[in-house]
């Protein structure tokens, strides 16, 4: 899928949502490259050696502790169980950190990236640098990505089923994510 330039400008809100079913690792959604020209390309994958989902917006990684966390040693958040799962990655609109804040530098740029699995938040990260607007756009790949063989990066072809892929120019709320799950 080719995403036209300016569609995800880098400071606005966006969401990627899909459903998948697998018993193996692989890439769900990827830009195929980390050298995209601006914007905030999204990626979702199940890294080699794990059974949990990870995500990325621009250079911000989400849920990357899955390799050493509870998912690696137990079935908590296991997505390689052969059941259907929902994956959602949201990015809020860019804004300015308010005066007096203790969670960000007042006056600085801020966005919130959130990774959901089956309607539940897996991870939330703050993005503090505005992306460069994408004049040329980027290509989003469904079910494939670079075969890095490393965790915390999209990893090869997806072996399973992917359905209901949606890309939005708004950030779905947690209520919308849960409603879509049900």
N, C-alpha and C. Protein backbone atom coordinates (compact mmCIF):
# COMPACT_ATOMS: atom_id res chain seq x y z
N UNK A 1 0.87 -1.17 0.00
CA UNK A 1 0.00 0.00 0.00
C UNK A 1 0.90 1.22 0.00
N UNK A 2 0.72 2.12 -0.91
CA UNK A 2 1.49 3.34 -0.95
C UNK A 2 0.70 4.45 -0.27
N UNK A 3 1.29 5.06 0.75
CA UNK A 3 0.66 6.15 1.50
C UNK A 3 1.14 7.46 0.87
N UNK A 4 0.24 8.27 0.32
CA UNK A 4 0.69 9.49 -0.37
C UNK A 4 1.34 10.49 0.56
N UNK A 5 2.22 11.33 -0.01
CA UNK A 5 2.90 12.37 0.75
C UNK A 5 1.90 13.28 1.44
N UNK A 6 2.20 13.65 2.69
CA UNK A 6 1.35 14.55 3.44
C UNK A 6 0.19 13.87 4.13
N UNK A 7 -0.12 12.62 3.80
CA UNK A 7 -1.27 11.95 4.41
C UNK A 7 -1.06 11.81 5.91
N UNK A 8 0.10 11.29 6.32
CA UNK A 8 0.49 11.29 7.72
C UNK A 8 1.63 12.28 7.82
N UNK A 9 1.30 13.52 8.11
CA UNK A 9 2.26 14.60 8.05
C UNK A 9 3.35 14.57 9.10
N UNK A 10 3.13 13.89 10.22
CA UNK A 10 4.17 13.81 11.24
C UNK A 10 3.83 14.55 12.51
N UNK A 11 2.91 15.52 12.48
CA UNK A 11 2.53 16.21 13.71
C UNK A 11 1.07 15.96 14.05
N UNK A 12 0.35 15.34 13.15
CA UNK A 12 -1.05 15.05 13.39
C UNK A 12 -1.25 13.68 14.00
N UNK A 13 -2.49 13.37 14.29
CA UNK A 13 -2.83 12.09 14.87
C UNK A 13 -2.91 11.02 13.79
N UNK A 14 -2.68 9.77 14.18
CA UNK A 14 -2.83 8.65 13.26
C UNK A 14 -3.04 7.37 14.05
N UNK A 15 -3.63 6.37 13.38
CA UNK A 15 -3.86 5.06 13.98
C UNK A 15 -3.71 3.99 12.91
N UNK A 16 -3.11 2.87 13.30
CA UNK A 16 -3.10 1.66 12.47
C UNK A 16 -3.80 0.58 13.29
N UNK A 17 -4.74 -0.11 12.67
CA UNK A 17 -5.50 -1.16 13.36
C UNK A 17 -5.61 -2.36 12.44
N UNK A 18 -5.46 -3.56 13.00
CA UNK A 18 -5.65 -4.78 12.22
C UNK A 18 -5.94 -5.94 13.16
N UNK A 19 -6.39 -7.03 12.55
CA UNK A 19 -6.60 -8.29 13.28
C UNK A 19 -5.67 -9.32 12.65
N UNK A 20 -5.21 -10.26 13.49
CA UNK A 20 -4.29 -11.27 12.96
C UNK A 20 -4.43 -12.57 13.75
N UNK A 21 -3.98 -13.65 13.12
CA UNK A 21 -3.99 -14.98 13.72
C UNK A 21 -2.71 -15.69 13.28
N UNK A 22 -1.95 -16.22 14.25
CA UNK A 22 -0.68 -16.88 13.91
C UNK A 22 -0.21 -17.80 15.02
N UNK A 23 0.76 -18.64 14.70
CA UNK A 23 1.46 -19.45 15.69
C UNK A 23 2.97 -19.21 15.56
N UNK A 24 3.35 -18.13 14.88
CA UNK A 24 4.77 -17.88 14.62
C UNK A 24 5.08 -16.38 14.70
N UNK A 25 6.36 -16.04 14.55
CA UNK A 25 6.80 -14.65 14.56
C UNK A 25 6.75 -14.09 13.14
N UNK A 26 6.81 -12.76 13.03
CA UNK A 26 6.85 -12.10 11.73
C UNK A 26 6.31 -10.69 11.80
N UNK A 27 6.35 -10.00 10.66
CA UNK A 27 5.93 -8.61 10.59
C UNK A 27 4.47 -8.50 10.18
N UNK A 28 3.70 -7.73 10.94
CA UNK A 28 2.29 -7.47 10.63
C UNK A 28 2.16 -6.28 9.70
N UNK A 29 2.82 -5.17 10.03
CA UNK A 29 2.75 -3.93 9.27
C UNK A 29 4.10 -3.26 9.35
N UNK A 30 4.63 -2.80 8.22
CA UNK A 30 5.95 -2.20 8.20
C UNK A 30 6.04 -1.19 7.07
N UNK A 31 6.98 -0.27 7.20
CA UNK A 31 7.28 0.63 6.10
C UNK A 31 8.37 0.04 5.23
N UNK A 32 8.95 -1.07 5.67
CA UNK A 32 9.98 -1.74 4.88
C UNK A 32 11.34 -1.09 4.98
N UNK A 33 11.44 0.06 5.65
CA UNK A 33 12.71 0.76 5.74
C UNK A 33 12.67 1.71 6.91
N UNK A 34 13.80 1.97 7.51
CA UNK A 34 13.87 2.97 8.58
C UNK A 34 14.33 4.31 8.03
N UNK A 35 14.53 4.42 6.73
CA UNK A 35 15.03 5.66 6.14
C UNK A 35 13.94 6.36 5.34
N UNK A 36 12.72 6.37 5.86
CA UNK A 36 11.64 7.05 5.17
C UNK A 36 11.86 8.55 5.20
N UNK A 37 11.25 9.25 4.26
CA UNK A 37 11.44 10.69 4.12
C UNK A 37 10.34 11.43 4.88
N UNK A 38 10.50 11.58 6.20
CA UNK A 38 9.55 12.32 7.00
C UNK A 38 8.33 11.50 7.40
N UNK A 39 7.40 12.19 8.06
CA UNK A 39 6.21 11.51 8.55
C UNK A 39 6.54 10.64 9.74
N UNK A 40 5.55 9.89 10.20
CA UNK A 40 5.73 8.97 11.33
C UNK A 40 5.30 7.58 10.91
N UNK A 41 6.07 6.88 10.08
CA UNK A 41 5.69 5.54 9.66
C UNK A 41 5.52 4.61 10.86
N UNK A 42 4.50 3.76 10.80
CA UNK A 42 4.20 2.83 11.89
C UNK A 42 4.64 1.42 11.51
N UNK A 43 4.94 0.62 12.52
CA UNK A 43 5.27 -0.79 12.30
C UNK A 43 4.74 -1.61 13.48
N UNK A 44 4.28 -2.82 13.19
CA UNK A 44 3.82 -3.79 14.19
C UNK A 44 4.43 -5.14 13.84
N UNK A 45 4.96 -5.87 14.82
CA UNK A 45 5.57 -7.16 14.53
C UNK A 45 5.62 -8.03 15.78
N UNK A 46 5.89 -9.32 15.56
CA UNK A 46 6.15 -10.29 16.62
C UNK A 46 7.60 -10.71 16.43
N UNK A 47 8.50 -10.30 17.34
CA UNK A 47 9.93 -10.55 17.13
C UNK A 47 10.31 -12.03 17.24
N UNK A 48 11.42 -12.38 16.61
CA UNK A 48 11.97 -13.73 16.72
C UNK A 48 12.21 -14.07 18.18
N UNK A 49 11.88 -15.29 18.55
CA UNK A 49 12.14 -15.76 19.90
C UNK A 49 11.14 -15.33 20.94
N UNK A 50 10.07 -14.63 20.53
CA UNK A 50 9.06 -14.22 21.51
C UNK A 50 7.68 -14.62 21.01
N UNK A 51 6.69 -14.36 21.83
CA UNK A 51 5.30 -14.60 21.45
C UNK A 51 4.44 -13.37 21.73
N UNK A 52 5.11 -12.21 21.84
CA UNK A 52 4.41 -10.95 22.11
C UNK A 52 4.59 -9.97 20.95
N UNK A 53 3.69 -9.03 20.86
CA UNK A 53 3.72 -8.03 19.80
C UNK A 53 4.51 -6.81 20.26
N UNK A 54 5.24 -6.19 19.32
CA UNK A 54 5.93 -4.93 19.55
C UNK A 54 5.49 -3.94 18.48
N UNK A 55 5.77 -2.66 18.70
CA UNK A 55 5.39 -1.64 17.74
C UNK A 55 6.41 -0.52 17.68
N UNK A 56 6.26 0.31 16.66
CA UNK A 56 7.16 1.44 16.48
C UNK A 56 6.44 2.54 15.71
N UNK A 57 6.66 3.78 16.15
CA UNK A 57 6.23 4.97 15.41
C UNK A 57 7.47 5.82 15.25
N UNK A 58 7.86 6.08 14.00
CA UNK A 58 9.11 6.80 13.77
C UNK A 58 10.24 6.04 14.42
N UNK A 59 10.96 6.65 15.36
CA UNK A 59 12.05 5.97 16.05
C UNK A 59 11.66 5.53 17.46
N UNK A 60 10.38 5.69 17.85
CA UNK A 60 9.93 5.33 19.18
C UNK A 60 9.42 3.89 19.21
N UNK A 61 10.05 3.05 20.05
CA UNK A 61 9.68 1.64 20.18
C UNK A 61 8.69 1.46 21.32
N UNK A 62 7.75 0.52 21.14
CA UNK A 62 6.76 0.23 22.17
C UNK A 62 6.75 -1.26 22.49
N UNK A 63 6.67 -1.58 23.77
CA UNK A 63 6.59 -2.95 24.30
C UNK A 63 7.84 -3.75 24.01
N UNK A 64 9.00 -3.10 23.93
CA UNK A 64 10.22 -3.82 23.59
C UNK A 64 10.77 -4.63 24.76
N UNK A 65 10.15 -4.52 25.94
CA UNK A 65 10.58 -5.37 27.05
C UNK A 65 9.94 -6.75 26.95
N UNK A 66 9.22 -7.03 25.86
CA UNK A 66 8.54 -8.32 25.74
C UNK A 66 9.51 -9.48 25.73
N UNK A 67 10.72 -9.27 25.25
CA UNK A 67 11.69 -10.36 25.17
C UNK A 67 12.13 -10.80 26.56
N UNK A 68 12.32 -9.85 27.46
CA UNK A 68 12.78 -10.17 28.81
C UNK A 68 11.65 -10.11 29.83
N UNK A 69 10.49 -9.63 29.45
CA UNK A 69 9.38 -9.46 30.37
C UNK A 69 8.56 -10.73 30.56
N UNK A 70 7.38 -10.55 31.13
CA UNK A 70 6.53 -11.69 31.47
C UNK A 70 6.08 -12.48 30.26
N UNK A 71 5.99 -11.84 29.11
CA UNK A 71 5.53 -12.54 27.92
C UNK A 71 6.48 -13.65 27.50
N UNK A 72 7.77 -13.40 27.64
CA UNK A 72 8.76 -14.39 27.22
C UNK A 72 8.70 -15.66 28.07
N UNK A 73 8.44 -15.49 29.37
CA UNK A 73 8.48 -16.63 30.29
C UNK A 73 7.10 -17.20 30.62
N UNK A 74 6.04 -16.59 30.13
CA UNK A 74 4.70 -17.10 30.42
C UNK A 74 3.81 -16.87 29.20
N UNK A 75 2.54 -17.14 29.34
CA UNK A 75 1.60 -16.92 28.24
C UNK A 75 0.87 -15.60 28.34
N UNK A 76 1.31 -14.69 29.22
CA UNK A 76 0.69 -13.38 29.32
C UNK A 76 0.91 -12.64 28.00
N UNK A 77 -0.14 -12.16 27.39
CA UNK A 77 -0.10 -11.42 26.12
C UNK A 77 0.44 -12.24 24.95
N UNK A 78 0.35 -13.55 25.02
CA UNK A 78 0.79 -14.44 23.95
C UNK A 78 -0.09 -14.22 22.72
N UNK A 79 0.52 -13.86 21.59
CA UNK A 79 -0.24 -13.68 20.34
C UNK A 79 0.06 -14.77 19.33
N UNK A 80 0.88 -15.75 19.70
CA UNK A 80 1.20 -16.85 18.78
C UNK A 80 0.44 -18.12 19.18
N UNK A 81 -0.76 -17.94 19.72
CA UNK A 81 -1.56 -19.06 20.21
C UNK A 81 -2.56 -19.59 19.19
N UNK A 82 -2.55 -19.06 17.96
CA UNK A 82 -3.47 -19.51 16.92
C UNK A 82 -4.84 -18.87 16.98
N UNK A 83 -5.08 -17.99 17.97
CA UNK A 83 -6.36 -17.28 18.08
C UNK A 83 -6.27 -15.93 17.37
N UNK A 84 -7.43 -15.36 17.06
CA UNK A 84 -7.46 -14.03 16.46
C UNK A 84 -7.18 -12.98 17.51
N UNK A 85 -6.36 -11.97 17.14
CA UNK A 85 -6.01 -10.88 18.03
C UNK A 85 -6.16 -9.55 17.30
N UNK A 86 -6.41 -8.51 18.08
CA UNK A 86 -6.50 -7.14 17.57
C UNK A 86 -5.20 -6.42 17.92
N UNK A 87 -4.63 -5.70 16.97
CA UNK A 87 -3.45 -4.86 17.19
C UNK A 87 -3.81 -3.43 16.80
N UNK A 88 -3.55 -2.49 17.69
CA UNK A 88 -3.84 -1.08 17.41
C UNK A 88 -2.66 -0.25 17.90
N UNK A 89 -2.19 0.66 17.05
CA UNK A 89 -1.12 1.59 17.40
C UNK A 89 -1.64 2.99 17.11
N UNK A 90 -1.70 3.84 18.15
CA UNK A 90 -2.25 5.19 17.99
C UNK A 90 -1.19 6.24 18.29
N UNK A 91 -1.37 7.41 17.68
CA UNK A 91 -0.52 8.56 17.93
C UNK A 91 -1.42 9.78 18.06
N UNK A 92 -1.33 10.47 19.20
CA UNK A 92 -2.17 11.65 19.43
C UNK A 92 -1.67 12.83 18.60
N UNK A 93 -2.50 13.86 18.42
CA UNK A 93 -2.02 15.06 17.72
C UNK A 93 -0.86 15.69 18.48
N UNK A 94 0.03 16.35 17.75
CA UNK A 94 1.14 17.05 18.39
C UNK A 94 0.61 18.26 19.15
N UNK A 95 1.22 18.53 20.30
CA UNK A 95 0.82 19.68 21.10
C UNK A 95 2.05 20.22 21.83
N UNK A 96 1.83 21.25 22.62
CA UNK A 96 2.89 21.86 23.41
C UNK A 96 2.72 21.45 24.86
N UNK A 97 3.79 20.99 25.49
CA UNK A 97 3.75 20.60 26.90
C UNK A 97 3.38 21.82 27.74
N UNK A 98 2.37 21.67 28.62
CA UNK A 98 1.91 22.83 29.39
C UNK A 98 2.90 23.27 30.47
N UNK A 99 2.83 24.54 30.83
CA UNK A 99 3.66 25.10 31.90
C UNK A 99 3.36 24.35 33.19
N UNK A 100 4.40 24.10 33.98
CA UNK A 100 4.24 23.44 35.27
C UNK A 100 4.19 21.92 35.20
N UNK A 101 4.28 21.34 34.01
CA UNK A 101 4.23 19.89 33.87
C UNK A 101 5.47 19.24 34.46
N UNK A 102 5.29 18.07 35.06
CA UNK A 102 6.42 17.29 35.58
C UNK A 102 6.70 16.07 34.71
N UNK A 103 5.89 15.86 33.67
CA UNK A 103 6.07 14.69 32.81
C UNK A 103 6.73 15.03 31.48
N UNK A 104 6.89 16.32 31.19
CA UNK A 104 7.55 16.75 29.96
C UNK A 104 8.13 18.14 30.19
N UNK A 105 8.97 18.59 29.28
CA UNK A 105 9.58 19.92 29.40
C UNK A 105 8.57 20.96 28.93
N UNK A 106 8.14 21.86 29.85
CA UNK A 106 7.16 22.87 29.46
C UNK A 106 7.59 23.64 28.21
N UNK A 107 6.65 23.79 27.27
CA UNK A 107 6.90 24.49 26.03
C UNK A 107 7.41 23.61 24.91
N UNK A 108 7.77 22.35 25.22
CA UNK A 108 8.30 21.46 24.19
C UNK A 108 7.17 20.73 23.45
N UNK A 109 7.51 20.18 22.29
CA UNK A 109 6.58 19.38 21.50
C UNK A 109 6.34 18.05 22.21
N UNK A 110 5.09 17.55 22.11
CA UNK A 110 4.79 16.26 22.72
C UNK A 110 3.64 15.56 21.98
N UNK A 111 3.79 14.26 21.81
CA UNK A 111 2.74 13.38 21.30
C UNK A 111 2.77 12.11 22.13
N UNK A 112 1.66 11.40 22.19
CA UNK A 112 1.61 10.14 22.92
C UNK A 112 1.33 9.00 21.96
N UNK A 113 2.19 7.99 21.99
CA UNK A 113 2.02 6.77 21.18
C UNK A 113 1.56 5.66 22.12
N UNK A 114 0.51 4.92 21.71
CA UNK A 114 -0.03 3.84 22.54
C UNK A 114 -0.21 2.59 21.71
N UNK A 115 0.26 1.46 22.24
CA UNK A 115 0.11 0.15 21.60
C UNK A 115 -0.92 -0.65 22.38
N UNK A 116 -1.95 -1.13 21.66
CA UNK A 116 -3.02 -1.94 22.26
C UNK A 116 -2.97 -3.35 21.68
N UNK A 117 -3.32 -4.32 22.53
CA UNK A 117 -3.53 -5.70 22.08
C UNK A 117 -4.86 -6.15 22.66
N UNK A 118 -5.76 -6.55 21.79
CA UNK A 118 -7.08 -7.04 22.21
C UNK A 118 -7.79 -6.07 23.14
N UNK A 119 -7.69 -4.77 22.82
CA UNK A 119 -8.39 -3.74 23.58
C UNK A 119 -7.69 -3.28 24.85
N UNK A 120 -6.54 -3.86 25.18
CA UNK A 120 -5.81 -3.53 26.40
C UNK A 120 -4.50 -2.83 26.04
N UNK A 121 -4.17 -1.77 26.79
CA UNK A 121 -2.92 -1.03 26.56
C UNK A 121 -1.73 -1.91 26.94
N UNK A 122 -0.80 -2.10 26.00
CA UNK A 122 0.45 -2.81 26.28
C UNK A 122 1.54 -1.84 26.69
N UNK A 123 1.58 -0.66 26.04
CA UNK A 123 2.65 0.30 26.31
C UNK A 123 2.23 1.68 25.82
N UNK A 124 2.74 2.71 26.49
CA UNK A 124 2.54 4.10 26.09
C UNK A 124 3.89 4.80 26.18
N UNK A 125 4.23 5.57 25.14
CA UNK A 125 5.49 6.32 25.12
C UNK A 125 5.22 7.74 24.66
N UNK A 126 6.03 8.67 25.18
CA UNK A 126 5.94 10.06 24.76
C UNK A 126 6.94 10.32 23.63
N UNK A 127 6.49 11.02 22.61
CA UNK A 127 7.36 11.46 21.52
C UNK A 127 7.57 12.95 21.71
N UNK A 128 8.82 13.36 21.79
CA UNK A 128 9.12 14.76 22.11
C UNK A 128 9.77 15.53 20.97
N UNK A 129 9.81 14.92 19.79
CA UNK A 129 10.37 15.62 18.64
C UNK A 129 9.39 15.48 17.48
N UNK A 130 8.99 16.60 16.93
CA UNK A 130 8.06 16.57 15.80
C UNK A 130 8.74 15.96 14.58
N UNK A 131 8.00 15.15 13.86
CA UNK A 131 8.52 14.54 12.64
C UNK A 131 8.52 15.57 11.52
N UNK A 132 9.39 15.36 10.57
CA UNK A 132 9.40 16.17 9.36
C UNK A 132 8.23 15.72 8.49
N UNK A 133 7.49 16.66 7.96
CA UNK A 133 6.38 16.29 7.08
C UNK A 133 6.91 15.48 5.90
N UNK A 134 6.14 14.50 5.47
CA UNK A 134 6.56 13.62 4.39
C UNK A 134 6.04 14.15 3.05
N UNK A 135 6.92 14.72 2.21
CA UNK A 135 6.46 15.24 0.93
C UNK A 135 6.18 14.14 -0.09
N UNK A 136 6.85 13.01 0.06
CA UNK A 136 6.71 11.93 -0.93
C UNK A 136 5.87 10.78 -0.43
N UNK A 137 5.56 10.75 0.87
CA UNK A 137 4.82 9.63 1.43
C UNK A 137 5.74 8.45 1.66
N UNK A 138 5.15 7.32 1.98
CA UNK A 138 5.93 6.11 2.19
C UNK A 138 5.07 4.91 1.83
N UNK A 139 5.71 3.76 1.76
CA UNK A 139 5.01 2.54 1.41
C UNK A 139 4.80 1.73 2.68
N UNK A 140 3.58 1.32 2.94
CA UNK A 140 3.27 0.45 4.07
C UNK A 140 3.08 -0.97 3.54
N UNK A 141 3.78 -1.91 4.16
CA UNK A 141 3.68 -3.32 3.77
C UNK A 141 2.87 -4.07 4.81
N UNK A 142 1.96 -4.89 4.36
CA UNK A 142 1.16 -5.72 5.25
C UNK A 142 1.69 -7.15 5.14
N UNK A 143 2.14 -7.70 6.26
CA UNK A 143 2.62 -9.07 6.29
C UNK A 143 4.06 -9.26 5.86
N UNK A 144 4.80 -8.18 5.68
CA UNK A 144 6.21 -8.33 5.33
C UNK A 144 7.00 -7.14 5.84
N UNK A 145 8.30 -7.35 5.95
CA UNK A 145 9.19 -6.31 6.40
C UNK A 145 10.61 -6.80 6.32
N UNK A 146 11.56 -5.97 6.71
CA UNK A 146 12.95 -6.39 6.67
C UNK A 146 13.15 -7.63 7.52
N UNK A 147 13.93 -8.57 7.06
CA UNK A 147 14.22 -9.78 7.83
C UNK A 147 15.51 -9.55 8.60
N UNK A 148 15.37 -8.95 9.77
CA UNK A 148 16.54 -8.53 10.54
C UNK A 148 17.08 -9.63 11.44
N UNK A 149 16.22 -10.56 11.86
CA UNK A 149 16.65 -11.59 12.80
C UNK A 149 16.93 -11.04 14.18
N UNK A 150 16.51 -9.80 14.45
CA UNK A 150 16.75 -9.19 15.75
C UNK A 150 15.41 -8.79 16.37
N UNK A 151 15.40 -8.76 17.70
CA UNK A 151 14.19 -8.27 18.35
C UNK A 151 14.19 -6.75 18.28
N UNK A 152 13.08 -6.14 18.54
CA UNK A 152 12.88 -4.69 18.50
C UNK A 152 13.00 -4.12 17.09
N UNK A 153 12.82 -4.96 16.07
CA UNK A 153 12.73 -4.50 14.69
C UNK A 153 11.77 -5.41 13.94
N UNK A 154 11.07 -4.90 12.92
CA UNK A 154 10.24 -5.78 12.10
C UNK A 154 11.08 -6.94 11.58
N UNK A 155 10.48 -8.13 11.55
CA UNK A 155 11.29 -9.31 11.29
C UNK A 155 10.64 -10.26 10.30
N UNK A 156 10.86 -10.03 9.02
CA UNK A 156 10.49 -10.99 7.99
C UNK A 156 9.01 -11.10 7.69
N UNK A 157 8.69 -12.11 6.90
CA UNK A 157 7.32 -12.33 6.45
C UNK A 157 6.44 -12.87 7.57
N UNK A 158 5.17 -12.51 7.51
CA UNK A 158 4.18 -12.98 8.47
C UNK A 158 3.62 -14.31 7.99
N UNK A 159 3.54 -15.28 8.87
CA UNK A 159 2.98 -16.59 8.56
C UNK A 159 1.70 -16.75 9.36
N UNK A 160 0.58 -16.45 8.73
CA UNK A 160 -0.72 -16.51 9.40
C UNK A 160 -1.74 -15.74 8.59
N UNK A 161 -2.76 -15.24 9.26
CA UNK A 161 -3.82 -14.48 8.60
C UNK A 161 -3.87 -13.06 9.15
N UNK A 162 -4.09 -12.09 8.27
CA UNK A 162 -4.28 -10.69 8.65
C UNK A 162 -5.57 -10.22 8.02
N UNK A 163 -6.39 -9.51 8.80
CA UNK A 163 -7.69 -9.05 8.30
C UNK A 163 -7.99 -7.65 8.84
N UNK A 164 -8.93 -7.00 8.19
CA UNK A 164 -9.48 -5.72 8.66
C UNK A 164 -8.42 -4.67 8.96
N UNK A 165 -7.51 -4.45 8.02
CA UNK A 165 -6.47 -3.43 8.19
C UNK A 165 -7.08 -2.06 7.96
N UNK A 166 -6.86 -1.15 8.91
CA UNK A 166 -7.37 0.22 8.80
C UNK A 166 -6.27 1.20 9.19
N UNK A 167 -6.12 2.25 8.39
CA UNK A 167 -5.19 3.34 8.69
C UNK A 167 -6.02 4.60 8.80
N UNK A 168 -5.90 5.30 9.92
CA UNK A 168 -6.69 6.50 10.19
C UNK A 168 -5.80 7.72 10.32
N UNK A 169 -6.35 8.89 9.99
CA UNK A 169 -5.64 10.15 10.23
C UNK A 169 -6.16 10.79 11.52
N UNK A 170 -6.53 9.96 12.47
CA UNK A 170 -6.94 10.39 13.81
C UNK A 170 -6.49 9.32 14.79
N UNK A 171 -6.41 9.70 16.05
CA UNK A 171 -6.05 8.73 17.09
C UNK A 171 -7.33 8.15 17.66
N UNK A 172 -7.51 6.84 17.53
CA UNK A 172 -8.67 6.20 18.15
C UNK A 172 -8.54 6.33 19.67
N UNK A 173 -9.66 6.55 20.34
CA UNK A 173 -9.66 6.60 21.80
C UNK A 173 -9.67 5.18 22.34
N UNK A 174 -9.37 5.02 23.62
CA UNK A 174 -9.39 3.68 24.22
C UNK A 174 -10.78 3.08 24.14
N UNK A 175 -11.83 3.91 24.24
CA UNK A 175 -13.20 3.42 24.11
C UNK A 175 -13.46 2.90 22.70
N UNK A 176 -12.96 3.62 21.67
CA UNK A 176 -13.12 3.15 20.29
C UNK A 176 -12.35 1.85 20.04
N UNK A 177 -11.14 1.75 20.62
CA UNK A 177 -10.35 0.52 20.45
C UNK A 177 -11.08 -0.66 21.07
N UNK A 178 -11.61 -0.47 22.28
CA UNK A 178 -12.35 -1.55 22.95
C UNK A 178 -13.60 -1.90 22.19
N UNK A 179 -14.31 -0.89 21.70
CA UNK A 179 -15.54 -1.13 20.92
C UNK A 179 -15.23 -1.90 19.64
N UNK A 180 -14.14 -1.54 18.97
CA UNK A 180 -13.74 -2.27 17.76
C UNK A 180 -13.39 -3.71 18.08
N UNK A 181 -12.80 -3.94 19.23
CA UNK A 181 -12.41 -5.30 19.67
C UNK A 181 -13.65 -6.17 19.82
N UNK A 182 -14.70 -5.57 20.40
CA UNK A 182 -15.92 -6.33 20.65
C UNK A 182 -16.78 -6.37 19.41
